Structure formats: C-alpha cells, structure tokens
Amino acid sequence: MGRMTDSLSIELLVAGHRVARLLDGGLRAVGLSAGEAVLLTALGEGALTMGGIMGTLHIGGSTATSLVTRLERAGLVTKTRNPEDARSYIVEVTDAGRAAGETARAAFGAIDRELGAAGQTAIAGHRSLMARLAALAPALD
C-alpha cells in the first residue's frame, strides 16, 4: 500500500474493510451485510432505540435508519413507537433475526479465532488502541 500505511488511522479504516470482506462469505448464506450483522448482534443483547443504535454502532441517523429499514423489510427486526417517548422508536430482533444473528456471531467468531493467533500481547495492544480511539471519538448524541 505504500506510504499510506504510515498512517495508523488509514490502516484502521482499511482493516475495517478487510474484516467486512472476510465476513462476506459467512454472511452470504443469510443475506446480511457486515453492518447489518453488527446491528443484529447488538440487538441480540436487547432492544435499542434508534438513538441507542447510533451510539452503540457509532453511526449517523441516516445510516441507522437505512440498516433498520433493510432488516425490517427482511423480517429480521421490528420497529415500534417508544411508549416512553412517542418521538422515538424501539427496534427489536425477531425470531428470524435472532437466527440470522447467531449465524453472524459464528462468522465473527471464526475471524476472531484466526486473529487470536497473533497472541495475547497483540490482542491487548489492539484493545488499548480501541480504548484510546473511543476516548478520542465520543459517542454520538
């Protein structure tokens, strides 16, 4: 890649694309994109508001809406008015979404096992870097 690899932030962006490409094979069977798989995995831990999705995935409103709309059309999530705040929605995974989420978790797990071969020191370094990144880029409101 040349001199671009001198930039840690560029390497992180490219690494994200690499992970998404690696996931393609494991997610193809359930017809999910990497972003949809991440959202289903997050929703597997419990329902989220649209704002919660934005904060959890660190994405903007239009991206969150697009992901939810695609998953809703596929019957993998439901979106209902928030009874505590009628201006917002709550997104929940359906039974079909839970099954697709399990497939997604398996695909993530396969990649995680391969990456784990780098060793505990590399994993600890990665987690330290991710914590620093999170501190630099606070959650979206």
C-alpha atoms as a PDB file:
ATOM      1  CA  MET A   1       0.000   0.000   0.000  1.00  0.00           C
ATOM      2  CA  GLY A   2       2.985   2.323   0.051  1.00  0.00           C
ATOM      3  CA  ARG A   3       3.245   5.360   2.276  1.00  0.00           C
ATOM      4  CA  MET A   4      -0.420   5.225   3.262  1.00  0.00           C
ATOM      5  CA  THR A   5       0.493   2.532   5.780  1.00  0.00           C
ATOM      6  CA  ASP A   6       2.457   5.174   7.700  1.00  0.00           C
ATOM      7  CA  SER A   7      -0.930   6.393   8.910  1.00  0.00           C
ATOM      8  CA  LEU A   8      -2.438   4.382  11.739  1.00  0.00           C
ATOM      9  CA  SER A   9      -5.895   5.866  11.124  1.00  0.00           C
ATOM     10  CA  ILE A  10      -5.792   4.844   7.445  1.00  0.00           C
ATOM     11  CA  GLU A  11      -4.680   1.358   8.439  1.00  0.00           C
ATOM     12  CA  LEU A  12      -7.632   1.124  10.838  1.00  0.00           C
ATOM     13  CA  LEU A  13     -10.084   2.150   8.111  1.00  0.00           C
ATOM     14  CA  VAL A  14      -8.615  -0.347   5.658  1.00  0.00           C
ATOM     15  CA  ALA A  15      -8.652  -3.052   8.351  1.00  0.00           C
ATOM     16  CA  GLY A  16     -12.375  -2.463   8.831  1.00  0.00           C
ATOM     17  CA  HIS A  17     -12.903  -3.029   5.118  1.00  0.00           C
ATOM     18  CA  ARG A  18     -10.815  -6.205   5.282  1.00  0.00           C
ATOM     19  CA  VAL A  19     -12.919  -7.590   8.129  1.00  0.00           C
ATOM     20  CA  ALA A  20     -16.094  -6.774   6.199  1.00  0.00           C
ATOM     21  CA  ARG A  21     -14.737  -8.642   3.163  1.00  0.00           C
ATOM     22  CA  LEU A  22     -13.795 -11.630   5.323  1.00  0.00           C
ATOM     23  CA  LEU A  23     -17.316 -11.658   6.756  1.00  0.00           C
ATOM     24  CA  ASP A  24     -18.928 -11.709   3.317  1.00  0.00           C
ATOM     25  CA  GLY A  25     -18.575 -15.475   2.944  1.00  0.00           C
ATOM     26  CA  GLY A  26     -20.016 -16.284   6.351  1.00  0.00           C
ATOM     27  CA  LEU A  27     -22.887 -13.832   5.970  1.00  0.00           C
ATOM     28  CA  ARG A  28     -23.830 -14.603   2.384  1.00  0.00           C
ATOM     29  CA  ALA A  29     -25.987 -17.568   3.471  1.00  0.00           C
ATOM     30  CA  VAL A  30     -28.264 -15.257   5.478  1.00  0.00           C
ATOM     31  CA  GLY A  31     -28.018 -12.309   3.082  1.00  0.00           C
ATOM     32  CA  LEU A  32     -26.541  -9.847   5.566  1.00  0.00           C
ATOM     33  CA  SER A  33     -24.025  -7.067   5.107  1.00  0.00           C
ATOM     34  CA  ALA A  34     -21.356  -6.590   7.769  1.00  0.00           C
ATOM     35  CA  GLY A  35     -23.205  -3.552   9.144  1.00  0.00           C
ATOM     36  CA  GLU A  36     -26.478  -5.467   9.350  1.00  0.00           C
ATOM     37  CA  ALA A  37     -24.686  -8.318  11.123  1.00  0.00           C
ATOM     38  CA  VAL A  38     -23.203  -5.940  13.694  1.00  0.00           C
ATOM     39  CA  LEU A  39     -26.629  -4.424  14.342  1.00  0.00           C
ATOM     40  CA  LEU A  40     -28.303  -7.832  14.735  1.00  0.00           C
ATOM     41  CA  THR A  41     -25.553  -8.841  17.146  1.00  0.00           C
ATOM     42  CA  ALA A  42     -26.130  -5.676  19.186  1.00  0.00           C
ATOM     43  CA  LEU A  43     -29.908  -6.223  19.174  1.00  0.00           C
ATOM     44  CA  GLY A  44     -29.369  -9.799  20.327  1.00  0.00           C
ATOM     45  CA  GLU A  45     -28.369  -8.279  23.669  1.00  0.00           C
ATOM     46  CA  GLY A  46     -31.655  -6.359  23.906  1.00  0.00           C
ATOM     47  CA  ALA A  47     -33.877  -3.825  22.181  1.00  0.00           C
ATOM     48  CA  LEU A  48     -32.439  -0.418  21.320  1.00  0.00           C
ATOM     49  CA  THR A  49     -33.883   2.938  20.410  1.00  0.00           C
ATOM     50  CA  MET A  50     -32.708   4.492  17.155  1.00  0.00           C
ATOM     51  CA  GLY A  51     -30.513   6.778  19.267  1.00  0.00           C
ATOM     52  CA  GLY A  52     -29.157   3.724  21.050  1.00  0.00           C
ATOM     53  CA  ILE A  53     -28.293   2.128  17.712  1.00  0.00           C
ATOM     54  CA  MET A  54     -26.495   5.284  16.610  1.00  0.00           C
ATOM     55  CA  GLY A  55     -24.492   5.411  19.833  1.00  0.00           C
ATOM     56  CA  THR A  56     -23.740   1.698  20.014  1.00  0.00           C
ATOM     57  CA  LEU A  57     -22.569   1.422  16.411  1.00  0.00           C
ATOM     58  CA  HIS A  58     -21.209   4.984  16.324  1.00  0.00           C
ATOM     59  CA  ILE A  59     -23.116   5.784  13.121  1.00  0.00           C
ATOM     60  CA  GLY A  60     -25.263   8.663  11.945  1.00  0.00           C
ATOM     61  CA  GLY A  61     -29.031   8.771  11.781  1.00  0.00           C
ATOM     62  CA  SER A  62     -29.365   8.105   8.065  1.00  0.00           C
ATOM     63  CA  THR A  63     -27.096   5.052   8.281  1.00  0.00           C
ATOM     64  CA  ALA A  64     -29.022   3.714  11.295  1.00  0.00           C
ATOM     65  CA  THR A  65     -32.333   4.272   9.511  1.00  0.00           C
ATOM     66  CA  SER A  66     -31.066   2.527   6.377  1.00  0.00           C
ATOM     67  CA  LEU A  67     -29.828  -0.515   8.334  1.00  0.00           C
ATOM     68  CA  VAL A  68     -33.050  -0.817  10.327  1.00  0.00           C
ATOM     69  CA  THR A  69     -35.224  -0.383   7.230  1.00  0.00           C
ATOM     70  CA  ARG A  70     -33.385  -3.161   5.379  1.00  0.00           C
ATOM     71  CA  LEU A  71     -33.576  -5.515   8.365  1.00  0.00           C
ATOM     72  CA  GLU A  72     -37.237  -4.660   8.938  1.00  0.00           C
ATOM     73  CA  ARG A  73     -38.097  -5.408   5.296  1.00  0.00           C
ATOM     74  CA  ALA A  74     -36.324  -8.753   5.633  1.00  0.00           C
ATOM     75  CA  GLY A  75     -38.405  -9.562   8.723  1.00  0.00           C
ATOM     76  CA  LEU A  76     -35.351  -9.640  10.994  1.00  0.00           C
ATOM     77  CA  VAL A  77     -36.305  -6.714  13.244  1.00  0.00           C
ATOM     78  CA  THR A  78     -39.423  -4.824  14.256  1.00  0.00           C
ATOM     79  CA  LYS A  79     -39.629  -1.093  14.870  1.00  0.00           C
ATOM     80  CA  THR A  80     -42.330   0.290  17.165  1.00  0.00           C
ATOM     81  CA  ARG A  81     -43.040   3.647  18.779  1.00  0.00           C
ATOM     82  CA  ASN A  82     -41.310   4.082  22.101  1.00  0.00           C
ATOM     83  CA  PRO A  83     -44.052   4.149  24.764  1.00  0.00           C
ATOM     84  CA  GLU A  84     -41.847   6.376  26.932  1.00  0.00           C
ATOM     85  CA  ASP A  85     -41.147   8.880  24.144  1.00  0.00           C
ATOM     86  CA  ALA A  86     -43.511   8.894  21.150  1.00  0.00           C
ATOM     87  CA  ARG A  87     -40.914  10.787  19.108  1.00  0.00           C
ATOM     88  CA  SER A  88     -38.587   7.775  19.056  1.00  0.00           C
ATOM     89  CA  TYR A  89     -38.702   4.133  18.031  1.00  0.00           C
ATOM     90  CA  ILE A  90     -37.632   0.910  19.693  1.00  0.00           C
ATOM     91  CA  VAL A  91     -36.004  -1.718  17.482  1.00  0.00           C
ATOM     92  CA  GLU A  92     -36.182  -5.379  18.490  1.00  0.00           C
ATOM     93  CA  VAL A  93     -34.895  -8.521  16.856  1.00  0.00           C
ATOM     94  CA  THR A  94     -37.435 -11.100  15.629  1.00  0.00           C
ATOM     95  CA  ASP A  95     -37.017 -14.877  15.904  1.00  0.00           C
ATOM     96  CA  ALA A  96     -35.729 -14.931  12.316  1.00  0.00           C
ATOM     97  CA  GLY A  97     -33.366 -12.067  13.187  1.00  0.00           C
ATOM     98  CA  ARG A  98     -32.115 -13.966  16.217  1.00  0.00           C
ATOM     99  CA  ALA A  99     -31.280 -16.954  13.997  1.00  0.00           C
ATOM    100  CA  ALA A 100     -29.513 -14.717  11.466  1.00  0.00           C
ATOM    101  CA  GLY A 101     -27.690 -13.050  14.368  1.00  0.00           C
ATOM    102  CA  GLU A 102     -26.403 -16.445  15.517  1.00  0.00           C
ATOM    103  CA  THR A 103     -25.003 -17.026  12.032  1.00  0.00           C
ATOM    104  CA  ALA A 104     -23.394 -13.577  12.182  1.00  0.00           C
ATOM    105  CA  ARG A 105     -21.863 -14.305  15.611  1.00  0.00           C
ATOM    106  CA  ALA A 106     -20.426 -17.544  14.217  1.00  0.00           C
ATOM    107  CA  ALA A 107     -18.874 -15.619  11.298  1.00  0.00           C
ATOM    108  CA  PHE A 108     -17.393 -13.054  13.692  1.00  0.00           C
ATOM    109  CA  GLY A 109     -16.137 -15.884  15.916  1.00  0.00           C
ATOM    110  CA  ALA A 110     -14.342 -17.597  13.034  1.00  0.00           C
ATOM    111  CA  ILE A 111     -12.473 -14.400  12.214  1.00  0.00           C
ATOM    112  CA  ASP A 112     -11.773 -13.740  15.897  1.00  0.00           C
ATOM    113  CA  ARG A 113     -10.170 -17.182  16.244  1.00  0.00           C
ATOM    114  CA  GLU A 114      -7.910 -16.512  13.264  1.00  0.00           C
ATOM    115  CA  LEU A 115      -6.951 -13.087  14.601  1.00  0.00           C
ATOM    116  CA  GLY A 116      -6.327 -14.568  18.042  1.00  0.00           C
ATOM    117  CA  ALA A 117      -3.379 -16.427  16.562  1.00  0.00           C
ATOM    118  CA  ALA A 118      -1.497 -13.106  16.746  1.00  0.00           C
ATOM    119  CA  GLY A 119      -1.209 -13.698  20.506  1.00  0.00           C
ATOM    120  CA  GLN A 120      -2.390 -12.136  23.726  1.00  0.00           C
ATOM    121  CA  THR A 121       0.097  -9.256  23.565  1.00  0.00           C
ATOM    122  CA  ALA A 122      -1.228  -8.199  20.161  1.00  0.00           C
ATOM    123  CA  ILE A 123      -4.833  -8.502  21.368  1.00  0.00           C
ATOM    124  CA  ALA A 124      -4.067  -6.421  24.471  1.00  0.00           C
ATOM    125  CA  GLY A 125      -2.408  -3.799  22.252  1.00  0.00           C
ATOM    126  CA  HIS A 126      -5.430  -3.739  19.960  1.00  0.00           C
ATOM    127  CA  ARG A 127      -7.814  -3.305  22.888  1.00  0.00           C
ATOM    128  CA  SER A 128      -5.673  -0.484  24.255  1.00  0.00           C
ATOM    129  CA  LEU A 129      -5.762   1.207  20.860  1.00  0.00           C
ATOM    130  CA  MET A 130      -9.544   0.782  20.625  1.00  0.00           C
ATOM    131  CA  ALA A 131      -9.966   2.310  24.097  1.00  0.00           C
ATOM    132  CA  ARG A 132      -7.868   5.291  23.052  1.00  0.00           C
ATOM    133  CA  LEU A 133      -9.898   5.667  19.877  1.00  0.00           C
ATOM    134  CA  ALA A 134     -13.146   5.572  21.864  1.00  0.00           C
ATOM    135  CA  ALA A 135     -11.808   8.328  24.120  1.00  0.00           C
ATOM    136  CA  LEU A 136     -10.958  10.459  21.094  1.00  0.00           C
ATOM    137  CA  ALA A 137     -14.317   9.893  19.368  1.00  0.00           C
ATOM    138  CA  PRO A 138     -17.070  10.240  21.975  1.00  0.00           C
ATOM    139  CA  ALA A 139     -20.448   8.628  21.360  1.00  0.00           C
ATOM    140  CA  LEU A 140     -22.854  10.357  19.024  1.00  0.00           C
ATOM    141  CA  ASP A 141     -25.775  12.161  20.583  1.00  0.00           C
END
